[in-house]
Amino acid sequence: MSLTKLDLIGLKCPQPVLRTRKALKSLMPGDRLEVHCSDPLAAIDIPHLIAQTGDRVETMQRQDTTTVFLIEKSGVAAPKGCD
């Protein structure tokens, strides 16, 4: 299991969620992704993304203007939605 850090400070919606999605695709089940965001919408968008992918937000911490997510890559395929 590995930890990957993703610094998305300064990026605005939709970039944080798009880059988080891309980073998650390269991880193996059990790996963790630490995402640092300054966009306030990331606090809504990233948990929504994780609900879609079937992965898990272990922690979400707000520190001043930054939100830090610790996400665990799941080994389970996400359920298919209506596209």
PDB file of N, CA and C in Angstrom:
ATOM      1  N   MET A   1       0.845  -1.182   0.000  1.00  0.00           N
ATOM      2  CA  MET A   1       0.000   0.000   0.000  1.00  0.00           C
ATOM      3  C   MET A   1       0.888   1.242   0.000  1.00  0.00           C
ATOM      4  N   SER A   2       0.485   2.208  -0.784  1.00  0.00           N
ATOM      5  CA  SER A   2       1.285   3.421  -0.880  1.00  0.00           C
ATOM      6  C   SER A   2       0.409   4.650  -0.652  1.00  0.00           C
ATOM      7  N   LEU A   3       1.082   5.763  -0.391  1.00  0.00           N
ATOM      8  CA  LEU A   3       0.406   7.043  -0.211  1.00  0.00           C
ATOM      9  C   LEU A   3       0.893   7.985  -1.301  1.00  0.00           C
ATOM     10  N   THR A   4      -0.034   8.557  -2.045  1.00  0.00           N
ATOM     11  CA  THR A   4       0.263   9.536  -3.079  1.00  0.00           C
ATOM     12  C   THR A   4      -0.302  10.871  -2.627  1.00  0.00           C
ATOM     13  N   LYS A   5       0.496  11.935  -2.758  1.00  0.00           N
ATOM     14  CA  LYS A   5       0.030  13.269  -2.383  1.00  0.00           C
ATOM     15  C   LYS A   5      -0.255  14.072  -3.640  1.00  0.00           C
ATOM     16  N   LEU A   6      -1.365  14.798  -3.603  1.00  0.00           N
ATOM     17  CA  LEU A   6      -1.809  15.597  -4.733  1.00  0.00           C
ATOM     18  C   LEU A   6      -2.049  17.023  -4.245  1.00  0.00           C
ATOM     19  N   ASP A   7      -1.236  17.967  -4.724  1.00  0.00           N
ATOM     20  CA  ASP A   7      -1.355  19.373  -4.323  1.00  0.00           C
ATOM     21  C   ASP A   7      -2.166  20.118  -5.377  1.00  0.00           C
ATOM     22  N   LEU A   8      -3.408  20.446  -5.030  1.00  0.00           N
ATOM     23  CA  LEU A   8      -4.302  21.141  -5.957  1.00  0.00           C
ATOM     24  C   LEU A   8      -4.620  22.555  -5.472  1.00  0.00           C
ATOM     25  N   ILE A   9      -3.759  23.079  -4.607  1.00  0.00           N
ATOM     26  CA  ILE A   9      -3.929  24.435  -4.081  1.00  0.00           C
ATOM     27  C   ILE A   9      -3.914  25.426  -5.249  1.00  0.00           C
ATOM     28  N   GLY A  10      -4.897  26.310  -5.257  1.00  0.00           N
ATOM     29  CA  GLY A  10      -4.967  27.345  -6.279  1.00  0.00           C
ATOM     30  C   GLY A  10      -5.822  26.973  -7.480  1.00  0.00           C
ATOM     31  N   LEU A  11      -6.153  25.694  -7.627  1.00  0.00           N
ATOM     32  CA  LEU A  11      -6.993  25.282  -8.756  1.00  0.00           C
ATOM     33  C   LEU A  11      -8.463  25.485  -8.423  1.00  0.00           C
ATOM     34  N   LYS A  12      -9.228  25.887  -9.409  1.00  0.00           N
ATOM     35  CA  LYS A  12     -10.665  26.132  -9.245  1.00  0.00           C
ATOM     36  C   LYS A  12     -11.472  25.033  -9.923  1.00  0.00           C
ATOM     37  N   CYS A  13     -12.700  24.878  -9.469  1.00  0.00           N
ATOM     38  CA  CYS A  13     -13.644  23.914 -10.018  1.00  0.00           C
ATOM     39  C   CYS A  13     -13.714  24.081 -11.531  1.00  0.00           C
ATOM     40  N   PRO A  14     -13.636  23.005 -12.284  1.00  0.00           N
ATOM     41  CA  PRO A  14     -13.733  21.593 -11.903  1.00  0.00           C
ATOM     42  C   PRO A  14     -12.388  20.878 -11.774  1.00  0.00           C
ATOM     43  N   GLN A  15     -11.267  21.612 -11.843  1.00  0.00           N
ATOM     44  CA  GLN A  15      -9.958  20.967 -11.867  1.00  0.00           C
ATOM     45  C   GLN A  15      -9.675  20.039 -10.675  1.00  0.00           C
ATOM     46  N   PRO A  16      -9.964  20.432  -9.422  1.00  0.00           N
ATOM     47  CA  PRO A  16      -9.643  19.515  -8.316  1.00  0.00           C
ATOM     48  C   PRO A  16     -10.310  18.145  -8.440  1.00  0.00           C
ATOM     49  N   VAL A  17     -11.582  18.119  -8.809  1.00  0.00           N
ATOM     50  CA  VAL A  17     -12.275  16.833  -8.909  1.00  0.00           C
ATOM     51  C   VAL A  17     -11.781  16.041 -10.125  1.00  0.00           C
ATOM     52  N   LEU A  18     -11.491  16.712 -11.221  1.00  0.00           N
ATOM     53  CA  LEU A  18     -10.990  16.020 -12.411  1.00  0.00           C
ATOM     54  C   LEU A  18      -9.616  15.406 -12.156  1.00  0.00           C
ATOM     55  N   ARG A  19      -8.753  16.144 -11.507  1.00  0.00           N
ATOM     56  CA  ARG A  19      -7.410  15.625 -11.223  1.00  0.00           C
ATOM     57  C   ARG A  19      -7.429  14.530 -10.159  1.00  0.00           C
ATOM     58  N   THR A  20      -8.355  14.647  -9.210  1.00  0.00           N
ATOM     59  CA  THR A  20      -8.501  13.593  -8.199  1.00  0.00           C
ATOM     60  C   THR A  20      -8.970  12.305  -8.870  1.00  0.00           C
ATOM     61  N   ARG A  21      -9.937  12.408  -9.761  1.00  0.00           N
ATOM     62  CA  ARG A  21     -10.439  11.229 -10.496  1.00  0.00           C
ATOM     63  C   ARG A  21      -9.299  10.558 -11.269  1.00  0.00           C
ATOM     64  N   LYS A  22      -8.511  11.360 -11.965  1.00  0.00           N
ATOM     65  CA  LYS A  22      -7.400  10.827 -12.754  1.00  0.00           C
ATOM     66  C   LYS A  22      -6.378  10.130 -11.861  1.00  0.00           C
ATOM     67  N   ALA A  23      -6.058  10.739 -10.728  1.00  0.00           N
ATOM     68  CA  ALA A  23      -5.077  10.150  -9.809  1.00  0.00           C
ATOM     69  C   ALA A  23      -5.591   8.836  -9.236  1.00  0.00           C
ATOM     70  N   LEU A  24      -6.875   8.760  -8.913  1.00  0.00           N
ATOM     71  CA  LEU A  24      -7.451   7.534  -8.358  1.00  0.00           C
ATOM     72  C   LEU A  24      -7.366   6.378  -9.350  1.00  0.00           C
ATOM     73  N   LYS A  25      -7.485   6.664 -10.626  1.00  0.00           N
ATOM     74  CA  LYS A  25      -7.435   5.613 -11.647  1.00  0.00           C
ATOM     75  C   LYS A  25      -6.084   4.916 -11.682  1.00  0.00           C
ATOM     76  N   SER A  26      -5.028   5.625 -11.286  1.00  0.00           N
ATOM     77  CA  SER A  26      -3.681   5.044 -11.343  1.00  0.00           C
ATOM     78  C   SER A  26      -3.311   4.276 -10.074  1.00  0.00           C
ATOM     79  N   LEU A  27      -4.189   4.280  -9.061  1.00  0.00           N
ATOM     80  CA  LEU A  27      -3.881   3.619  -7.791  1.00  0.00           C
ATOM     81  C   LEU A  27      -4.365   2.174  -7.776  1.00  0.00           C
ATOM     82  N   MET A  28      -3.727   1.391  -6.918  1.00  0.00           N
ATOM     83  CA  MET A  28      -4.130   0.004  -6.693  1.00  0.00           C
ATOM     84  C   MET A  28      -5.048  -0.038  -5.469  1.00  0.00           C
ATOM     85  N   PRO A  29      -5.928  -1.048  -5.375  1.00  0.00           N
ATOM     86  CA  PRO A  29      -6.786  -1.169  -4.179  1.00  0.00           C
ATOM     87  C   PRO A  29      -5.954  -1.165  -2.898  1.00  0.00           C
ATOM     88  N   GLY A  30      -6.409  -0.392  -1.921  1.00  0.00           N
ATOM     89  CA  GLY A  30      -5.707  -0.254  -0.651  1.00  0.00           C
ATOM     90  C   GLY A  30      -4.769   0.939  -0.599  1.00  0.00           C
ATOM     91  N   ASP A  31      -4.381   1.472  -1.770  1.00  0.00           N
ATOM     92  CA  ASP A  31      -3.532   2.663  -1.803  1.00  0.00           C
ATOM     93  C   ASP A  31      -4.335   3.854  -1.304  1.00  0.00           C
ATOM     94  N   ARG A  32      -3.608   4.861  -0.843  1.00  0.00           N
ATOM     95  CA  ARG A  32      -4.255   6.074  -0.340  1.00  0.00           C
ATOM     96  C   ARG A  32      -3.807   7.287  -1.141  1.00  0.00           C
ATOM     97  N   LEU A  33      -4.725   8.245  -1.251  1.00  0.00           N
ATOM     98  CA  LEU A  33      -4.472   9.496  -1.949  1.00  0.00           C
ATOM     99  C   LEU A  33      -4.760  10.640  -0.993  1.00  0.00           C
ATOM    100  N   GLU A  34      -3.753  11.491  -0.784  1.00  0.00           N
ATOM    101  CA  GLU A  34      -3.920  12.674   0.065  1.00  0.00           C
ATOM    102  C   GLU A  34      -4.051  13.874  -0.868  1.00  0.00           C
ATOM    103  N   VAL A  35      -5.201  14.544  -0.809  1.00  0.00           N
ATOM    104  CA  VAL A  35      -5.507  15.642  -1.730  1.00  0.00           C
ATOM    105  C   VAL A  35      -5.623  16.947  -0.940  1.00  0.00           C
ATOM    106  N   HIS A  36      -4.857  17.952  -1.354  1.00  0.00           N
ATOM    107  CA  HIS A  36      -4.889  19.281  -0.733  1.00  0.00           C
ATOM    108  C   HIS A  36      -5.546  20.242  -1.717  1.00  0.00           C
ATOM    109  N   CYS A  37      -6.656  20.868  -1.304  1.00  0.00           N
ATOM    110  CA  CYS A  37      -7.415  21.779  -2.167  1.00  0.00           C
ATOM    111  C   CYS A  37      -7.668  23.105  -1.456  1.00  0.00           C
ATOM    112  N   SER A  38      -7.729  24.176  -2.243  1.00  0.00           N
ATOM    113  CA  SER A  38      -8.108  25.480  -1.677  1.00  0.00           C
ATOM    114  C   SER A  38      -9.472  25.932  -2.193  1.00  0.00           C
ATOM    115  N   ASP A  39      -9.998  25.270  -3.200  1.00  0.00           N
ATOM    116  CA  ASP A  39     -11.313  25.627  -3.745  1.00  0.00           C
ATOM    117  C   ASP A  39     -12.392  25.178  -2.763  1.00  0.00           C
ATOM    118  N   PRO A  40     -13.222  26.093  -2.248  1.00  0.00           N
ATOM    119  CA  PRO A  40     -14.264  25.713  -1.283  1.00  0.00           C
ATOM    120  C   PRO A  40     -15.236  24.659  -1.826  1.00  0.00           C
ATOM    121  N   LEU A  41     -15.466  24.646  -3.130  1.00  0.00           N
ATOM    122  CA  LEU A  41     -16.382  23.666  -3.711  1.00  0.00           C
ATOM    123  C   LEU A  41     -15.850  22.237  -3.649  1.00  0.00           C
ATOM    124  N   ALA A  42     -14.554  22.078  -3.460  1.00  0.00           N
ATOM    125  CA  ALA A  42     -13.965  20.740  -3.370  1.00  0.00           C
ATOM    126  C   ALA A  42     -14.534  19.967  -2.182  1.00  0.00           C
ATOM    127  N   ALA A  43     -14.920  20.676  -1.127  1.00  0.00           N
ATOM    128  CA  ALA A  43     -15.494  20.020   0.061  1.00  0.00           C
ATOM    129  C   ALA A  43     -16.817  19.323  -0.269  1.00  0.00           C
ATOM    130  N   ILE A  44     -17.454  19.744  -1.357  1.00  0.00           N
ATOM    131  CA  ILE A  44     -18.696  19.112  -1.823  1.00  0.00           C
ATOM    132  C   ILE A  44     -18.398  18.150  -2.973  1.00  0.00           C
ATOM    133  N   ASP A  45     -17.594  18.623  -3.920  1.00  0.00           N
ATOM    134  CA  ASP A  45     -17.357  17.876  -5.153  1.00  0.00           C
ATOM    135  C   ASP A  45     -16.569  16.582  -4.948  1.00  0.00           C
ATOM    136  N   ILE A  46     -15.527  16.612  -4.133  1.00  0.00           N
ATOM    137  CA  ILE A  46     -14.702  15.414  -3.982  1.00  0.00           C
ATOM    138  C   ILE A  46     -15.449  14.302  -3.246  1.00  0.00           C
ATOM    139  N   PRO A  47     -16.145  14.567  -2.128  1.00  0.00           N
ATOM    140  CA  PRO A  47     -16.941  13.479  -1.542  1.00  0.00           C
ATOM    141  C   PRO A  47     -17.993  12.923  -2.504  1.00  0.00           C
ATOM    142  N   HIS A  48     -18.575  13.785  -3.348  1.00  0.00           N
ATOM    143  CA  HIS A  48     -19.546  13.322  -4.344  1.00  0.00           C
ATOM    144  C   HIS A  48     -18.862  12.391  -5.353  1.00  0.00           C
ATOM    145  N   LEU A  49     -17.661  12.768  -5.796  1.00  0.00           N
ATOM    146  CA  LEU A  49     -16.885  11.926  -6.708  1.00  0.00           C
ATOM    147  C   LEU A  49     -16.615  10.562  -6.080  1.00  0.00           C
ATOM    148  N   ILE A  50     -16.196  10.563  -4.818  1.00  0.00           N
ATOM    149  CA  ILE A  50     -15.848   9.316  -4.128  1.00  0.00           C
ATOM    150  C   ILE A  50     -17.077   8.422  -3.987  1.00  0.00           C
ATOM    151  N   ALA A  51     -18.236   9.013  -3.778  1.00  0.00           N
ATOM    152  CA  ALA A  51     -19.465   8.223  -3.723  1.00  0.00           C
ATOM    153  C   ALA A  51     -19.727   7.552  -5.068  1.00  0.00           C
ATOM    154  N   GLN A  52     -19.360   8.214  -6.154  1.00  0.00           N
ATOM    155  CA  GLN A  52     -19.544   7.648  -7.494  1.00  0.00           C
ATOM    156  C   GLN A  52     -18.527   6.558  -7.801  1.00  0.00           C
ATOM    157  N   THR A  53     -17.288   6.724  -7.352  1.00  0.00           N
ATOM    158  CA  THR A  53     -16.226   5.780  -7.705  1.00  0.00           C
ATOM    159  C   THR A  53     -16.241   4.534  -6.825  1.00  0.00           C
ATOM    160  N   GLY A  54     -16.902   4.625  -5.656  1.00  0.00           N
ATOM    161  CA  GLY A  54     -16.922   3.483  -4.756  1.00  0.00           C
ATOM    162  C   GLY A  54     -15.716   3.433  -3.841  1.00  0.00           C
ATOM    163  N   ASP A  55     -14.871   4.468  -3.877  1.00  0.00           N
ATOM    164  CA  ASP A  55     -13.725   4.547  -2.984  1.00  0.00           C
ATOM    165  C   ASP A  55     -14.193   5.097  -1.638  1.00  0.00           C
ATOM    166  N   ARG A  56     -13.252   5.423  -0.741  1.00  0.00           N
ATOM    167  CA  ARG A  56     -13.656   5.829   0.608  1.00  0.00           C
ATOM    168  C   ARG A  56     -12.856   7.035   1.083  1.00  0.00           C
ATOM    169  N   VAL A  57     -13.562   8.068   1.561  1.00  0.00           N
ATOM    170  CA  VAL A  57     -12.897   9.204   2.201  1.00  0.00           C
ATOM    171  C   VAL A  57     -12.636   8.807   3.650  1.00  0.00           C
ATOM    172  N   GLU A  58     -11.362   8.638   4.001  1.00  0.00           N
ATOM    173  CA  GLU A  58     -11.011   8.297   5.385  1.00  0.00           C
ATOM    174  C   GLU A  58     -11.138   9.514   6.289  1.00  0.00           C
ATOM    175  N   THR A  59     -10.587  10.630   5.836  1.00  0.00           N
ATOM    176  CA  THR A  59     -10.688  11.866   6.615  1.00  0.00           C
ATOM    177  C   THR A  59     -10.828  13.053   5.669  1.00  0.00           C
ATOM    178  N   MET A  60     -11.459  14.096   6.187  1.00  0.00           N
ATOM    179  CA  MET A  60     -11.543  15.380   5.497  1.00  0.00           C
ATOM    180  C   MET A  60     -11.327  16.433   6.573  1.00  0.00           C
ATOM    181  N   GLN A  61     -10.250  17.210   6.438  1.00  0.00           N
ATOM    182  CA  GLN A  61      -9.918  18.222   7.438  1.00  0.00           C
ATOM    183  C   GLN A  61      -9.807  19.577   6.778  1.00  0.00           C
ATOM    184  N   ARG A  62     -10.396  20.569   7.429  1.00  0.00           N
ATOM    185  CA  ARG A  62     -10.260  21.949   6.953  1.00  0.00           C
ATOM    186  C   ARG A  62      -9.211  22.643   7.808  1.00  0.00           C
ATOM    187  N   GLN A  63      -8.260  23.268   7.113  1.00  0.00           N
ATOM    188  CA  GLN A  63      -7.187  24.006   7.783  1.00  0.00           C
ATOM    189  C   GLN A  63      -7.116  25.383   7.142  1.00  0.00           C
ATOM    190  N   ASP A  64      -7.664  26.389   7.819  1.00  0.00           N
ATOM    191  CA  ASP A  64      -7.741  27.744   7.266  1.00  0.00           C
ATOM    192  C   ASP A  64      -8.474  27.712   5.926  1.00  0.00           C
ATOM    193  N   THR A  65      -7.780  28.011   4.824  1.00  0.00           N
ATOM    194  CA  THR A  65      -8.414  28.038   3.506  1.00  0.00           C
ATOM    195  C   THR A  65      -8.183  26.751   2.722  1.00  0.00           C
ATOM    196  N   THR A  66      -7.616  25.740   3.358  1.00  0.00           N
ATOM    197  CA  THR A  66      -7.281  24.489   2.679  1.00  0.00           C
ATOM    198  C   THR A  66      -8.117  23.339   3.236  1.00  0.00           C
ATOM    199  N   THR A  67      -8.548  22.459   2.347  1.00  0.00           N
ATOM    200  CA  THR A  67      -9.211  21.223   2.746  1.00  0.00           C
ATOM    201  C   THR A  67      -8.309  20.069   2.334  1.00  0.00           C
ATOM    202  N   VAL A  68      -8.073  19.139   3.271  1.00  0.00           N
ATOM    203  CA  VAL A  68      -7.219  17.986   3.008  1.00  0.00           C
ATOM    204  C   VAL A  68      -8.075  16.727   3.120  1.00  0.00           C
ATOM    205  N   PHE A  69      -8.052  15.923   2.060  1.00  0.00           N
ATOM    206  CA  PHE A  69      -8.779  14.658   2.021  1.00  0.00           C
ATOM    207  C   PHE A  69      -7.780  13.513   2.052  1.00  0.00           C
ATOM    208  N   LEU A  70      -8.103  12.471   2.796  1.00  0.00           N
ATOM    209  CA  LEU A  70      -7.352  11.222   2.726  1.00  0.00           C
ATOM    210  C   LEU A  70      -8.335  10.191   2.188  1.00  0.00           C
ATOM    211  N   ILE A  71      -8.039   9.679   1.002  1.00  0.00           N
ATOM    212  CA  ILE A  71      -8.951   8.792   0.274  1.00  0.00           C
ATOM    213  C   ILE A  71      -8.292   7.429   0.117  1.00  0.00           C
ATOM    214  N   GLU A  72      -9.049   6.376   0.382  1.00  0.00           N
ATOM    215  CA  GLU A  72      -8.542   5.021   0.163  1.00  0.00           C
ATOM    216  C   GLU A  72      -9.167   4.451  -1.100  1.00  0.00           C
ATOM    217  N   LYS A  73      -8.313   3.926  -1.976  1.00  0.00           N
ATOM    218  CA  LYS A  73      -8.781   3.291  -3.208  1.00  0.00           C
ATOM    219  C   LYS A  73      -9.417   1.951  -2.860  1.00  0.00           C
ATOM    220  N   SER A  74     -10.623   1.749  -3.326  1.00  0.00           N
ATOM    221  CA  SER A  74     -11.371   0.529  -3.050  1.00  0.00           C
ATOM    222  C   SER A  74     -11.017  -0.543  -4.069  1.00  0.00           C
ATOM    223  N   GLY A  75     -11.213  -1.782  -3.680  1.00  0.00           N
ATOM    224  CA  GLY A  75     -11.017  -2.877  -4.613  1.00  0.00           C
ATOM    225  C   GLY A  75     -12.302  -3.257  -5.307  1.00  0.00           C
ATOM    226  N   VAL A  76     -13.381  -2.573  -4.959  1.00  0.00           N
ATOM    227  CA  VAL A  76     -14.708  -2.882  -5.494  1.00  0.00           C
ATOM    228  C   VAL A  76     -15.021  -1.921  -6.634  1.00  0.00           C
ATOM    229  N   ALA A  77     -15.527  -2.440  -7.718  1.00  0.00           N
ATOM    230  CA  ALA A  77     -15.918  -1.581  -8.841  1.00  0.00           C
ATOM    231  C   ALA A  77     -17.113  -0.726  -8.435  1.00  0.00           C
ATOM    232  N   ALA A  78     -17.114   0.505  -8.896  1.00  0.00           N
ATOM    233  CA  ALA A  78     -18.224   1.415  -8.588  1.00  0.00           C
ATOM    234  C   ALA A  78     -19.475   0.962  -9.326  1.00  0.00           C
ATOM    235  N   PRO A  79     -20.645   1.157  -8.706  1.00  0.00           N
ATOM    236  CA  PRO A  79     -21.889   0.817  -9.407  1.00  0.00           C
ATOM    237  C   PRO A  79     -22.077   1.725 -10.613  1.00  0.00           C
ATOM    238  N   LYS A  80     -22.632   1.181 -11.657  1.00  0.00           N
ATOM    239  CA  LYS A  80     -22.862   1.969 -12.871  1.00  0.00           C
ATOM    240  C   LYS A  80     -24.049   2.905 -12.656  1.00  0.00           C
ATOM    241  N   GLY A  81     -23.850   4.166 -13.029  1.00  0.00           N
ATOM    242  CA  GLY A  81     -24.919   5.153 -12.895  1.00  0.00           C
ATOM    243  C   GLY A  81     -25.623   5.342 -14.221  1.00  0.00           C
ATOM    244  N   CYS A  82     -26.582   6.204 -14.224  1.00  0.00           N
ATOM    245  CA  CYS A  82     -27.304   6.541 -15.450  1.00  0.00           C
ATOM    246  C   CYS A  82     -26.587   7.704 -16.100  1.00  0.00           C
ATOM    247  N   ASP A  83     -26.004   7.455 -17.246  1.00  0.00           N
ATOM    248  CA  ASP A  83     -25.297   8.527 -17.974  1.00  0.00           C
ATOM    249  C   ASP A  83     -26.064   8.984 -19.178  1.00  0.00           C
TER     250      ASP A  83
END
